Amino acid sequence: MSNHVRNTGPMLASPRCGAKTRCGGARHSPAVIGRKHCRMHGGAQGSGALRANQNARKHGLFTRDAIAERRQIQALLGEARRLLEEMK
């Protein structure tokens, strides 16, 4: 490698952010030194939610309990449909 001002080798060889893009690929931004993610995805000091943060708690339609309940209801409805088809 040369000592030219525009030497981009070390920059291109730096570790990349571990976050995923919308299409599922890896993000191309460089990670913060000593971290796994870039400054936008939690590499900065003090970023991210605190432990037991109630603002980050899932609630409502997409909780594990709600999803399990919807699956049970769908299974029960499917069983009822099969029973009605057998009765015809």
PDB file of N, CA and C in Angstrom:
ATOM      1  N   MET A   1       0.831  -1.171   0.000  1.00  0.00           N
ATOM      2  CA  MET A   1       0.000   0.000   0.000  1.00  0.00           C
ATOM      3  C   MET A   1       0.882   1.243   0.000  1.00  0.00           C
ATOM      4  N   SER A   2       0.434   2.238  -0.683  1.00  0.00           N
ATOM      5  CA  SER A   2       1.202   3.469  -0.756  1.00  0.00           C
ATOM      6  C   SER A   2       0.762   4.443   0.332  1.00  0.00           C
ATOM      7  N   ASN A   3       1.541   5.483   0.517  1.00  0.00           N
ATOM      8  CA  ASN A   3       1.208   6.513   1.506  1.00  0.00           C
ATOM      9  C   ASN A   3       0.531   7.698   0.851  1.00  0.00           C
ATOM     10  N   HIS A   4      -0.154   7.454  -0.236  1.00  0.00           N
ATOM     11  CA  HIS A   4      -0.853   8.509  -0.963  1.00  0.00           C
ATOM     12  C   HIS A   4      -2.012   9.030  -0.114  1.00  0.00           C
ATOM     13  N   VAL A   5      -2.369  10.285  -0.304  1.00  0.00           N
ATOM     14  CA  VAL A   5      -3.447  10.924   0.465  1.00  0.00           C
ATOM     15  C   VAL A   5      -4.765  10.196   0.266  1.00  0.00           C
ATOM     16  N   ARG A   6      -4.993   9.689  -0.922  1.00  0.00           N
ATOM     17  CA  ARG A   6      -6.266   9.032  -1.220  1.00  0.00           C
ATOM     18  C   ARG A   6      -6.192   7.515  -1.050  1.00  0.00           C
ATOM     19  N   ASN A   7      -5.342   7.046  -0.194  1.00  0.00           N
ATOM     20  CA  ASN A   7      -5.215   5.612   0.046  1.00  0.00           C
ATOM     21  C   ASN A   7      -6.465   5.124   0.783  1.00  0.00           C
ATOM     22  N   THR A   8      -7.308   4.374   0.113  1.00  0.00           N
ATOM     23  CA  THR A   8      -8.581   3.935   0.691  1.00  0.00           C
ATOM     24  C   THR A   8      -8.546   2.482   1.162  1.00  0.00           C
ATOM     25  N   GLY A   9      -7.387   1.830   1.080  1.00  0.00           N
ATOM     26  CA  GLY A   9      -7.284   0.430   1.490  1.00  0.00           C
ATOM     27  C   GLY A   9      -7.721   0.178   2.916  1.00  0.00           C
ATOM     28  N   PRO A  10      -7.175   0.900   3.917  1.00  0.00           N
ATOM     29  CA  PRO A  10      -7.600   0.665   5.301  1.00  0.00           C
ATOM     30  C   PRO A  10      -9.089   0.938   5.515  1.00  0.00           C
ATOM     31  N   MET A  11      -9.620   1.947   4.823  1.00  0.00           N
ATOM     32  CA  MET A  11     -11.040   2.257   4.968  1.00  0.00           C
ATOM     33  C   MET A  11     -11.900   1.106   4.429  1.00  0.00           C
ATOM     34  N   LEU A  12     -11.514   0.549   3.282  1.00  0.00           N
ATOM     35  CA  LEU A  12     -12.288  -0.542   2.690  1.00  0.00           C
ATOM     36  C   LEU A  12     -12.126  -1.840   3.463  1.00  0.00           C
ATOM     37  N   ALA A  13     -11.009  -1.983   4.200  1.00  0.00           N
ATOM     38  CA  ALA A  13     -10.760  -3.210   4.956  1.00  0.00           C
ATOM     39  C   ALA A  13     -11.362  -3.169   6.352  1.00  0.00           C
ATOM     40  N   SER A  14     -11.952  -2.048   6.763  1.00  0.00           N
ATOM     41  CA  SER A  14     -12.499  -1.937   8.113  1.00  0.00           C
ATOM     42  C   SER A  14     -13.725  -2.832   8.268  1.00  0.00           C
ATOM     43  N   PRO A  15     -14.011  -3.302   9.502  1.00  0.00           N
ATOM     44  CA  PRO A  15     -15.188  -4.153   9.714  1.00  0.00           C
ATOM     45  C   PRO A  15     -16.475  -3.393   9.406  1.00  0.00           C
ATOM     46  N   ARG A  16     -17.464  -4.107   8.931  1.00  0.00           N
ATOM     47  CA  ARG A  16     -18.740  -3.498   8.523  1.00  0.00           C
ATOM     48  C   ARG A  16     -19.810  -3.732   9.568  1.00  0.00           C
ATOM     49  N   CYS A  17     -20.847  -2.923   9.499  1.00  0.00           N
ATOM     50  CA  CYS A  17     -21.986  -3.003  10.421  1.00  0.00           C
ATOM     51  C   CYS A  17     -22.684  -4.351  10.258  1.00  0.00           C
ATOM     52  N   GLY A  18     -23.125  -4.934  11.355  1.00  0.00           N
ATOM     53  CA  GLY A  18     -23.795  -6.229  11.315  1.00  0.00           C
ATOM     54  C   GLY A  18     -25.294  -6.138  11.089  1.00  0.00           C
ATOM     55  N   ALA A  19     -25.829  -4.931  10.899  1.00  0.00           N
ATOM     56  CA  ALA A  19     -27.271  -4.763  10.702  1.00  0.00           C
ATOM     57  C   ALA A  19     -27.684  -5.270   9.325  1.00  0.00           C
ATOM     58  N   LYS A  20     -28.929  -5.637   9.200  1.00  0.00           N
ATOM     59  CA  LYS A  20     -29.474  -6.122   7.930  1.00  0.00           C
ATOM     60  C   LYS A  20     -30.233  -5.005   7.229  1.00  0.00           C
ATOM     61  N   THR A  21     -30.180  -4.993   5.903  1.00  0.00           N
ATOM     62  CA  THR A  21     -30.948  -4.028   5.129  1.00  0.00           C
ATOM     63  C   THR A  21     -32.360  -4.559   4.924  1.00  0.00           C
ATOM     64  N   ARG A  22     -33.222  -3.768   4.315  1.00  0.00           N
ATOM     65  CA  ARG A  22     -34.608  -4.190   4.089  1.00  0.00           C
ATOM     66  C   ARG A  22     -34.691  -5.413   3.196  1.00  0.00           C
ATOM     67  N   CYS A  23     -33.753  -5.531   2.257  1.00  0.00           N
ATOM     68  CA  CYS A  23     -33.787  -6.690   1.353  1.00  0.00           C
ATOM     69  C   CYS A  23     -33.046  -7.891   1.937  1.00  0.00           C
ATOM     70  N   GLY A  24     -32.514  -7.772   3.151  1.00  0.00           N
ATOM     71  CA  GLY A  24     -31.909  -8.908   3.825  1.00  0.00           C
ATOM     72  C   GLY A  24     -30.396  -8.964   3.733  1.00  0.00           C
ATOM     73  N   GLY A  25     -29.779  -8.075   2.984  1.00  0.00           N
ATOM     74  CA  GLY A  25     -28.322  -8.071   2.865  1.00  0.00           C
ATOM     75  C   GLY A  25     -27.669  -7.372   4.042  1.00  0.00           C
ATOM     76  N   ALA A  26     -26.345  -7.410   4.078  1.00  0.00           N
ATOM     77  CA  ALA A  26     -25.607  -6.755   5.155  1.00  0.00           C
ATOM     78  C   ALA A  26     -25.434  -5.275   4.848  1.00  0.00           C
ATOM     79  N   ARG A  27     -25.447  -4.458   5.874  1.00  0.00           N
ATOM     80  CA  ARG A  27     -25.248  -3.026   5.715  1.00  0.00           C
ATOM     81  C   ARG A  27     -23.774  -2.758   5.417  1.00  0.00           C
ATOM     82  N   HIS A  28     -23.499  -1.736   4.600  1.00  0.00           N
ATOM     83  CA  HIS A  28     -22.146  -1.471   4.141  1.00  0.00           C
ATOM     84  C   HIS A  28     -21.418  -0.405   4.942  1.00  0.00           C
ATOM     85  N   SER A  29     -22.064   0.224   5.911  1.00  0.00           N
ATOM     86  CA  SER A  29     -21.413   1.259   6.702  1.00  0.00           C
ATOM     87  C   SER A  29     -20.345   0.646   7.606  1.00  0.00           C
ATOM     88  N   PRO A  30     -19.265   1.366   7.857  1.00  0.00           N
ATOM     89  CA  PRO A  30     -18.229   0.835   8.750  1.00  0.00           C
ATOM     90  C   PRO A  30     -18.720   0.815  10.191  1.00  0.00           C
ATOM     91  N   ALA A  31     -18.309  -0.215  10.918  1.00  0.00           N
ATOM     92  CA  ALA A  31     -18.680  -0.333  12.323  1.00  0.00           C
ATOM     93  C   ALA A  31     -17.844   0.622  13.158  1.00  0.00           C
ATOM     94  N   VAL A  32     -18.385   1.016  14.312  1.00  0.00           N
ATOM     95  CA  VAL A  32     -17.648   1.845  15.249  1.00  0.00           C
ATOM     96  C   VAL A  32     -16.514   0.995  15.810  1.00  0.00           C
ATOM     97  N   ILE A  33     -15.366   1.615  16.077  1.00  0.00           N
ATOM     98  CA  ILE A  33     -14.193   0.881  16.568  1.00  0.00           C
ATOM     99  C   ILE A  33     -14.542   0.161  17.872  1.00  0.00           C
ATOM    100  N   GLY A  34     -14.295  -1.140  17.904  1.00  0.00           N
ATOM    101  CA  GLY A  34     -14.568  -1.946  19.088  1.00  0.00           C
ATOM    102  C   GLY A  34     -16.004  -2.417  19.206  1.00  0.00           C
ATOM    103  N   ARG A  35     -16.840  -2.150  18.216  1.00  0.00           N
ATOM    104  CA  ARG A  35     -18.254  -2.548  18.244  1.00  0.00           C
ATOM    105  C   ARG A  35     -18.589  -3.367  17.003  1.00  0.00           C
ATOM    106  N   LYS A  36     -19.790  -3.938  16.989  1.00  0.00           N
ATOM    107  CA  LYS A  36     -20.219  -4.746  15.847  1.00  0.00           C
ATOM    108  C   LYS A  36     -21.115  -3.978  14.884  1.00  0.00           C
ATOM    109  N   HIS A  37     -21.595  -2.794  15.307  1.00  0.00           N
ATOM    110  CA  HIS A  37     -22.534  -2.044  14.479  1.00  0.00           C
ATOM    111  C   HIS A  37     -22.038  -0.623  14.240  1.00  0.00           C
ATOM    112  N   CYS A  38     -22.644   0.035  13.247  1.00  0.00           N
ATOM    113  CA  CYS A  38     -22.294   1.421  12.930  1.00  0.00           C
ATOM    114  C   CYS A  38     -22.955   2.358  13.939  1.00  0.00           C
ATOM    115  N   ARG A  39     -22.672   3.645  13.805  1.00  0.00           N
ATOM    116  CA  ARG A  39     -23.208   4.618  14.752  1.00  0.00           C
ATOM    117  C   ARG A  39     -24.718   4.733  14.665  1.00  0.00           C
ATOM    118  N   MET A  40     -25.309   4.368  13.532  1.00  0.00           N
ATOM    119  CA  MET A  40     -26.754   4.457  13.370  1.00  0.00           C
ATOM    120  C   MET A  40     -27.490   3.259  13.976  1.00  0.00           C
ATOM    121  N   HIS A  41     -26.797   2.140  14.155  1.00  0.00           N
ATOM    122  CA  HIS A  41     -27.464   0.917  14.598  1.00  0.00           C
ATOM    123  C   HIS A  41     -26.970   0.409  15.949  1.00  0.00           C
ATOM    124  N   GLY A  42     -26.511   1.292  16.791  1.00  0.00           N
ATOM    125  CA  GLY A  42     -26.199   0.878  18.158  1.00  0.00           C
ATOM    126  C   GLY A  42     -24.737   0.765  18.473  1.00  0.00           C
ATOM    127  N   GLY A  43     -23.869   1.316  17.663  1.00  0.00           N
ATOM    128  CA  GLY A  43     -22.451   1.250  17.976  1.00  0.00           C
ATOM    129  C   GLY A  43     -22.002   2.377  18.873  1.00  0.00           C
ATOM    130  N   ALA A  44     -22.769   3.455  18.950  1.00  0.00           N
ATOM    131  CA  ALA A  44     -22.363   4.617  19.727  1.00  0.00           C
ATOM    132  C   ALA A  44     -22.493   4.350  21.222  1.00  0.00           C
ATOM    133  N   GLN A  45     -21.696   5.037  22.015  1.00  0.00           N
ATOM    134  CA  GLN A  45     -21.720   4.889  23.460  1.00  0.00           C
ATOM    135  C   GLN A  45     -23.081   5.307  24.006  1.00  0.00           C
ATOM    136  N   GLY A  46     -23.696   4.456  24.822  1.00  0.00           N
ATOM    137  CA  GLY A  46     -24.964   4.785  25.454  1.00  0.00           C
ATOM    138  C   GLY A  46     -26.181   4.605  24.568  1.00  0.00           C
ATOM    139  N   SER A  47     -26.022   4.072  23.364  1.00  0.00           N
ATOM    140  CA  SER A  47     -27.182   3.890  22.492  1.00  0.00           C
ATOM    141  C   SER A  47     -27.894   2.592  22.826  1.00  0.00           C
ATOM    142  N   GLY A  48     -29.106   2.485  22.385  1.00  0.00           N
ATOM    143  CA  GLY A  48     -29.908   1.295  22.643  1.00  0.00           C
ATOM    144  C   GLY A  48     -30.773   1.466  23.880  1.00  0.00           C
ATOM    145  N   ALA A  49     -31.745   0.598  24.038  1.00  0.00           N
ATOM    146  CA  ALA A  49     -32.670   0.673  25.168  1.00  0.00           C
ATOM    147  C   ALA A  49     -32.008   0.149  26.438  1.00  0.00           C
ATOM    148  N   LEU A  50     -32.408   0.671  27.564  1.00  0.00           N
ATOM    149  CA  LEU A  50     -31.914   0.207  28.850  1.00  0.00           C
ATOM    150  C   LEU A  50     -32.534  -1.137  29.189  1.00  0.00           C
ATOM    151  N   ARG A  51     -31.934  -1.848  30.110  1.00  0.00           N
ATOM    152  CA  ARG A  51     -32.493  -3.123  30.560  1.00  0.00           C
ATOM    153  C   ARG A  51     -33.843  -2.871  31.225  1.00  0.00           C
ATOM    154  N   ALA A  52     -34.802  -3.735  30.979  1.00  0.00           N
ATOM    155  CA  ALA A  52     -36.153  -3.639  31.539  1.00  0.00           C
ATOM    156  C   ALA A  52     -36.831  -2.337  31.147  1.00  0.00           C
ATOM    157  N   ASN A  53     -36.559  -1.857  29.946  1.00  0.00           N
ATOM    158  CA  ASN A  53     -37.167  -0.624  29.449  1.00  0.00           C
ATOM    159  C   ASN A  53     -38.610  -0.908  29.055  1.00  0.00           C
ATOM    160  N   GLN A  54     -39.553  -0.300  29.736  1.00  0.00           N
ATOM    161  CA  GLN A  54     -40.962  -0.534  29.455  1.00  0.00           C
ATOM    162  C   GLN A  54     -41.396   0.098  28.135  1.00  0.00           C
ATOM    163  N   ASN A  55     -40.638   1.074  27.637  1.00  0.00           N
ATOM    164  CA  ASN A  55     -40.978   1.676  26.351  1.00  0.00           C
ATOM    165  C   ASN A  55     -40.649   0.753  25.194  1.00  0.00           C
ATOM    166  N   ALA A  56     -39.756  -0.194  25.397  1.00  0.00           N
ATOM    167  CA  ALA A  56     -39.373  -1.127  24.349  1.00  0.00           C
ATOM    168  C   ALA A  56     -40.151  -2.445  24.449  1.00  0.00           C
ATOM    169  N   ARG A  57     -41.046  -2.532  25.415  1.00  0.00           N
ATOM    170  CA  ARG A  57     -41.809  -3.767  25.644  1.00  0.00           C
ATOM    171  C   ARG A  57     -42.847  -3.955  24.545  1.00  0.00           C
ATOM    172  N   LYS A  58     -42.976  -5.184  24.060  1.00  0.00           N
ATOM    173  CA  LYS A  58     -44.000  -5.472  23.065  1.00  0.00           C
ATOM    174  C   LYS A  58     -45.341  -5.657  23.753  1.00  0.00           C
ATOM    175  N   HIS A  59     -46.370  -5.158  23.133  1.00  0.00           N
ATOM    176  CA  HIS A  59     -47.703  -5.304  23.693  1.00  0.00           C
ATOM    177  C   HIS A  59     -48.698  -5.304  22.545  1.00  0.00           C
ATOM    178  N   GLY A  60     -49.867  -5.813  22.812  1.00  0.00           N
ATOM    179  CA  GLY A  60     -50.929  -5.735  21.822  1.00  0.00           C
ATOM    180  C   GLY A  60     -50.957  -6.905  20.866  1.00  0.00           C
ATOM    181  N   LEU A  61     -51.110  -6.583  19.597  1.00  0.00           N
ATOM    182  CA  LEU A  61     -51.401  -7.570  18.563  1.00  0.00           C
ATOM    183  C   LEU A  61     -50.247  -8.528  18.279  1.00  0.00           C
ATOM    184  N   PHE A  62     -49.014  -8.118  18.502  1.00  0.00           N
ATOM    185  CA  PHE A  62     -47.874  -8.926  18.091  1.00  0.00           C
ATOM    186  C   PHE A  62     -47.102  -9.540  19.247  1.00  0.00           C
ATOM    187  N   THR A  63     -47.706  -9.648  20.420  1.00  0.00           N
ATOM    188  CA  THR A  63     -47.043 -10.337  21.519  1.00  0.00           C
ATOM    189  C   THR A  63     -47.118 -11.838  21.276  1.00  0.00           C
ATOM    190  N   ARG A  64     -46.252 -12.553  21.937  1.00  0.00           N
ATOM    191  CA  ARG A  64     -46.209 -14.007  21.786  1.00  0.00           C
ATOM    192  C   ARG A  64     -47.540 -14.640  22.179  1.00  0.00           C
ATOM    193  N   ASP A  65     -48.148 -14.121  23.241  1.00  0.00           N
ATOM    194  CA  ASP A  65     -49.436 -14.666  23.712  1.00  0.00           C
ATOM    195  C   ASP A  65     -50.551 -14.422  22.706  1.00  0.00           C
ATOM    196  N   ALA A  66     -50.596 -13.227  22.128  1.00  0.00           N
ATOM    197  CA  ALA A  66     -51.652 -12.903  21.170  1.00  0.00           C
ATOM    198  C   ALA A  66     -51.515 -13.748  19.906  1.00  0.00           C
ATOM    199  N   ILE A  67     -50.292 -13.943  19.452  1.00  0.00           N
ATOM    200  CA  ILE A  67     -50.062 -14.768  18.256  1.00  0.00           C
ATOM    201  C   ILE A  67     -50.473 -16.209  18.530  1.00  0.00           C
ATOM    202  N   ALA A  68     -50.116 -16.737  19.702  1.00  0.00           N
ATOM    203  CA  ALA A  68     -50.493 -18.115  20.064  1.00  0.00           C
ATOM    204  C   ALA A  68     -52.009 -18.249  20.160  1.00  0.00           C
ATOM    205  N   GLU A  69     -52.670 -17.246  20.717  1.00  0.00           N
ATOM    206  CA  GLU A  69     -54.127 -17.291  20.830  1.00  0.00           C
ATOM    207  C   GLU A  69     -54.787 -17.300  19.451  1.00  0.00           C
ATOM    208  N   ARG A  70     -54.281 -16.496  18.523  1.00  0.00           N
ATOM    209  CA  ARG A  70     -54.839 -16.487  17.159  1.00  0.00           C
ATOM    210  C   ARG A  70     -54.625 -17.827  16.473  1.00  0.00           C
ATOM    211  N   ARG A  71     -53.488 -18.448  16.704  1.00  0.00           N
ATOM    212  CA  ARG A  71     -53.238 -19.774  16.104  1.00  0.00           C
ATOM    213  C   ARG A  71     -54.198 -20.819  16.656  1.00  0.00           C
ATOM    214  N   GLN A  72     -54.467 -20.765  17.964  1.00  0.00           N
ATOM    215  CA  GLN A  72     -55.418 -21.698  18.567  1.00  0.00           C
ATOM    216  C   GLN A  72     -56.815 -21.498  17.999  1.00  0.00           C
ATOM    217  N   ILE A  73     -57.214 -20.254  17.824  1.00  0.00           N
ATOM    218  CA  ILE A  73     -58.531 -19.964  17.258  1.00  0.00           C
ATOM    219  C   ILE A  73     -58.622 -20.482  15.827  1.00  0.00           C
ATOM    220  N   GLN A  74     -57.579 -20.270  15.033  1.00  0.00           N
ATOM    221  CA  GLN A  74     -57.574 -20.764  13.647  1.00  0.00           C
ATOM    222  C   GLN A  74     -57.652 -22.286  13.609  1.00  0.00           C
ATOM    223  N   ALA A  75     -56.933 -22.959  14.509  1.00  0.00           N
ATOM    224  CA  ALA A  75     -56.989 -24.423  14.563  1.00  0.00           C
ATOM    225  C   ALA A  75     -58.381 -24.900  14.947  1.00  0.00           C
ATOM    226  N   LEU A  76     -59.007 -24.233  15.905  1.00  0.00           N
ATOM    227  CA  LEU A  76     -60.359 -24.598  16.336  1.00  0.00           C
ATOM    228  C   LEU A  76     -61.369 -24.385  15.204  1.00  0.00           C
ATOM    229  N   LEU A  77     -61.242 -23.271  14.477  1.00  0.00           N
ATOM    230  CA  LEU A  77     -62.140 -23.019  13.346  1.00  0.00           C
ATOM    231  C   LEU A  77     -61.941 -24.046  12.236  1.00  0.00           C
ATOM    232  N   GLY A  78     -60.691 -24.413  11.985  1.00  0.00           N
ATOM    233  CA  GLY A  78     -60.428 -25.434  10.972  1.00  0.00           C
ATOM    234  C   GLY A  78     -61.026 -26.776  11.350  1.00  0.00           C
ATOM    235  N   GLU A  79     -60.923 -27.125  12.626  1.00  0.00           N
ATOM    236  CA  GLU A  79     -61.511 -28.372  13.114  1.00  0.00           C
ATOM    237  C   GLU A  79     -63.032 -28.341  12.987  1.00  0.00           C
ATOM    238  N   ALA A  80     -63.644 -27.202  13.289  1.00  0.00           N
ATOM    239  CA  ALA A  80     -65.094 -27.061  13.174  1.00  0.00           C
ATOM    240  C   ALA A  80     -65.533 -27.174  11.707  1.00  0.00           C
ATOM    241  N   ARG A  81     -64.765 -26.579  10.788  1.00  0.00           N
ATOM    242  CA  ARG A  81     -65.093 -26.697   9.360  1.00  0.00           C
ATOM    243  C   ARG A  81     -65.035 -28.143   8.892  1.00  0.00           C
ATOM    244  N   ARG A  82     -63.994 -28.864   9.336  1.00  0.00           N
ATOM    245  CA  ARG A  82     -63.878 -30.285   8.944  1.00  0.00           C
ATOM    246  C   ARG A  82     -65.045 -31.096   9.493  1.00  0.00           C
ATOM    247  N   LEU A  83     -65.428 -30.815  10.718  1.00  0.00           N
ATOM    248  CA  LEU A  83     -66.562 -31.521  11.316  1.00  0.00           C
ATOM    249  C   LEU A  83     -67.852 -31.241  10.571  1.00  0.00           C
ATOM    250  N   LEU A  84     -68.069 -29.991  10.166  1.00  0.00           N
ATOM    251  CA  LEU A  84     -69.269 -29.649   9.405  1.00  0.00           C
ATOM    252  C   LEU A  84     -69.257 -30.288   8.020  1.00  0.00           C
ATOM    253  N   GLU A  85     -68.090 -30.378   7.398  1.00  0.00           N
ATOM    254  CA  GLU A  85     -67.994 -31.044   6.090  1.00  0.00           C
ATOM    255  C   GLU A  85     -68.312 -32.527   6.204  1.00  0.00           C
ATOM    256  N   GLU A  86     -67.903 -33.166   7.290  1.00  0.00           N
ATOM    257  CA  GLU A  86     -68.186 -34.587   7.504  1.00  0.00           C
ATOM    258  C   GLU A  86     -69.669 -34.831   7.744  1.00  0.00           C
ATOM    259  N   MET A  87     -70.358 -33.858   8.333  1.00  0.00           N
ATOM    260  CA  MET A  87     -71.765 -34.010   8.649  1.00  0.00           C
ATOM    261  C   MET A  87     -72.642 -33.882   7.409  1.00  0.00           C
ATOM    262  N   LYS A  88     -72.144 -33.266   6.343  1.00  0.00           N
ATOM    263  CA  LYS A  88     -72.962 -33.077   5.134  1.00  0.00           C
ATOM    264  C   LYS A  88     -73.220 -34.353   4.424  1.00  0.00           C
TER     265      LYS A  88
END
